[in-house]
Amino acid sequence: MKHASLLAALAALAALPALAQPAPAEAAPFVGSWQIGFRDGPDVIVNVPQVSCDDPAVIEAAGEYAIHARTPGGDMGIWELKAFGGRFPWWRADGASLVADWIAEDAFLLASKDASGIQSDWENAKQWTRCPVKAPDASK
């Protein structure tokens, strides 16, 4: 009986890593035009975006589970999206990684790695806020 219990426990432990694997995440929620700034919060008096909706960052779908991101500062490349623990890791073919955390329907924080290279740097995460969709010009 002890052996059966031990085998069941080992089988359950062996299954844990499979359960802890990130799942593919859909690109659609990230698609759009974005302003990028510092994180909003109670200590922020004036938050001027680093990238405004006048010249926004743009995310396009590059497949069902991948995005292509570019900012006025340059092309960020194509990122594979995953879902893990309520957050959304972005992985690029060259090994770079970021993590997105939705904080509102139209805003997410995007964090790179901290100095350790292991954990996400949420203290310096940038807030991406969706730009309003402009109505078509009726005079044209």
Protein backbone atom coordinates (compact mmCIF):
# COMPACT_ATOMS: atom_id res chain seq x y z
CA MET A 1 0.00 0.00 0.00
CA LYS A 2 2.88 2.35 0.80
CA HIS A 3 4.35 1.80 -2.64
CA ALA A 4 1.07 2.61 -4.37
CA SER A 5 0.79 5.86 -2.42
CA LEU A 6 4.37 6.74 -3.18
CA LEU A 7 3.89 6.01 -6.89
CA ALA A 8 0.73 8.13 -6.97
CA ALA A 9 2.54 11.02 -5.27
CA LEU A 10 5.45 10.78 -7.71
CA ALA A 11 3.07 10.70 -10.67
CA ALA A 12 1.32 13.81 -9.35
CA LEU A 13 4.65 15.62 -8.91
CA ALA A 14 5.77 14.64 -12.40
CA ALA A 15 2.56 16.12 -13.82
CA LEU A 16 3.11 19.51 -12.11
CA PRO A 17 5.65 20.89 -14.61
CA ALA A 18 3.27 20.08 -17.45
CA LEU A 19 0.51 21.98 -15.68
CA ALA A 20 2.79 24.96 -15.03
CA GLN A 21 3.66 25.51 -18.71
CA PRO A 22 2.49 28.78 -20.29
CA ALA A 23 -0.35 28.42 -22.77
CA PRO A 24 -0.59 30.31 -26.08
CA ALA A 25 -2.36 33.67 -25.74
CA GLU A 26 -4.39 35.38 -28.42
CA ALA A 27 -2.89 38.39 -30.18
CA ALA A 28 -6.22 40.20 -30.72
CA PRO A 29 -6.39 42.04 -27.34
CA PHE A 30 -2.97 43.63 -27.96
CA VAL A 31 -3.66 44.80 -31.52
CA GLY A 32 -4.01 48.57 -31.89
CA SER A 33 -2.32 51.93 -31.41
CA TRP A 34 -0.82 52.71 -28.01
CA GLN A 35 0.66 55.56 -26.03
CA ILE A 36 3.48 54.56 -23.69
CA GLY A 37 4.29 56.23 -20.42
CA PHE A 38 5.15 55.67 -16.83
CA ARG A 39 2.73 53.73 -14.67
CA ASP A 40 -0.23 55.76 -13.38
CA GLY A 41 -0.61 55.82 -9.63
CA PRO A 42 -1.45 57.91 -6.58
CA ASP A 43 2.09 59.32 -6.38
CA VAL A 44 2.09 60.48 -10.02
CA ILE A 45 1.28 64.18 -10.36
CA VAL A 46 1.93 64.68 -14.07
CA ASN A 47 2.36 61.73 -16.39
CA VAL A 48 3.50 62.88 -19.82
CA PRO A 49 3.67 59.89 -22.17
CA GLN A 50 6.98 59.04 -23.78
CA VAL A 51 5.06 57.90 -26.87
CA SER A 52 1.82 59.77 -27.56
CA CYS A 53 -1.24 58.96 -29.64
CA ASP A 54 -0.07 61.61 -32.13
CA ASP A 55 2.75 59.20 -33.11
CA PRO A 56 1.79 55.96 -31.36
CA ALA A 57 3.30 52.56 -30.89
CA VAL A 58 1.49 50.07 -33.12
CA ILE A 59 0.86 46.39 -32.46
CA GLU A 60 -0.36 44.20 -35.31
CA ALA A 61 -1.28 40.52 -35.32
CA ALA A 62 1.46 38.31 -36.77
CA GLY A 63 -0.63 35.18 -36.39
CA GLU A 64 -3.22 34.04 -33.89
CA TYR A 65 -0.68 33.88 -31.04
CA ALA A 66 1.96 36.39 -32.16
CA ILE A 67 2.29 40.14 -32.56
CA HIS A 68 4.52 42.57 -34.41
CA ALA A 69 5.25 45.69 -32.34
CA ARG A 70 6.86 48.92 -33.43
CA THR A 71 7.30 52.25 -31.69
CA PRO A 72 8.38 55.62 -33.08
CA GLY A 73 11.82 54.63 -31.76
CA GLY A 74 12.02 51.49 -33.89
CA ASP A 75 10.82 48.02 -34.71
CA MET A 76 10.46 45.79 -31.64
CA GLY A 77 10.06 42.67 -33.80
CA ILE A 78 7.69 39.73 -33.68
CA TRP A 79 6.74 38.30 -30.29
CA GLU A 80 5.10 34.98 -29.44
CA LEU A 81 2.42 35.46 -26.78
CA LYS A 82 1.75 33.16 -23.85
CA ALA A 83 -0.58 33.22 -20.85
CA PHE A 84 0.79 32.26 -17.46
CA GLY A 85 -0.48 33.02 -13.97
CA GLY A 86 -2.75 35.86 -15.14
CA ARG A 87 0.09 37.59 -17.02
CA PHE A 88 1.21 37.44 -20.62
CA PRO A 89 4.85 36.67 -21.40
CA TRP A 90 6.12 37.87 -24.79
CA TRP A 91 8.97 35.86 -26.33
CA ARG A 92 11.04 36.79 -29.36
CA ALA A 93 13.02 34.34 -31.52
CA ASP A 94 16.34 35.83 -30.31
CA GLY A 95 15.53 34.89 -26.69
CA ALA A 96 14.37 38.34 -25.54
CA SER A 97 11.34 38.34 -23.26
CA LEU A 98 8.89 40.80 -21.74
CA VAL A 99 5.80 40.32 -19.57
CA ALA A 100 2.49 42.14 -19.95
CA ASP A 101 -0.03 42.54 -17.13
CA TRP A 102 -3.45 43.99 -18.02
CA ILE A 103 -4.40 46.67 -15.47
CA ALA A 104 -7.55 47.88 -17.25
CA GLU A 105 -9.56 46.97 -20.33
CA ASP A 106 -7.41 49.28 -22.47
CA ALA A 107 -4.13 49.43 -20.53
CA PHE A 108 -1.36 47.03 -19.63
CA LEU A 109 2.04 47.23 -17.98
CA LEU A 110 4.99 45.87 -19.95
CA ALA A 111 8.03 44.81 -17.94
CA SER A 112 11.47 43.71 -19.03
CA LYS A 113 13.85 41.71 -16.84
CA ASP A 114 15.44 43.21 -13.74
CA ALA A 115 19.21 43.29 -13.14
CA SER A 116 19.17 39.61 -12.14
CA GLY A 117 17.93 38.68 -15.61
CA ILE A 118 15.47 36.30 -13.98
CA GLN A 119 12.57 38.32 -12.59
CA SER A 120 10.37 40.93 -14.27
CA ASP A 121 11.14 44.53 -13.35
CA TRP A 122 7.66 45.78 -12.39
CA GLU A 123 9.08 48.91 -10.70
CA ASN A 124 10.20 50.21 -14.10
CA ALA A 125 7.40 48.73 -16.22
CA LYS A 126 5.90 51.02 -18.85
CA GLN A 127 2.17 51.54 -19.12
CA TRP A 128 0.70 51.02 -22.59
CA THR A 129 -2.69 52.74 -22.95
CA ARG A 130 -4.83 52.20 -26.04
CA CYS A 131 -5.29 55.30 -28.19
CA PRO A 132 -8.88 56.30 -28.91
CA VAL A 133 -10.14 55.25 -32.31
CA LYS A 134 -10.51 58.35 -34.46
CA ALA A 135 -13.87 58.82 -36.17
CA PRO A 136 -13.66 59.05 -39.95
CA ASP A 137 -13.56 62.62 -41.31
CA ALA A 138 -17.05 63.22 -42.75
CA SER A 139 -15.86 66.18 -44.85
CA LYS A 140 -13.84 63.91 -47.17
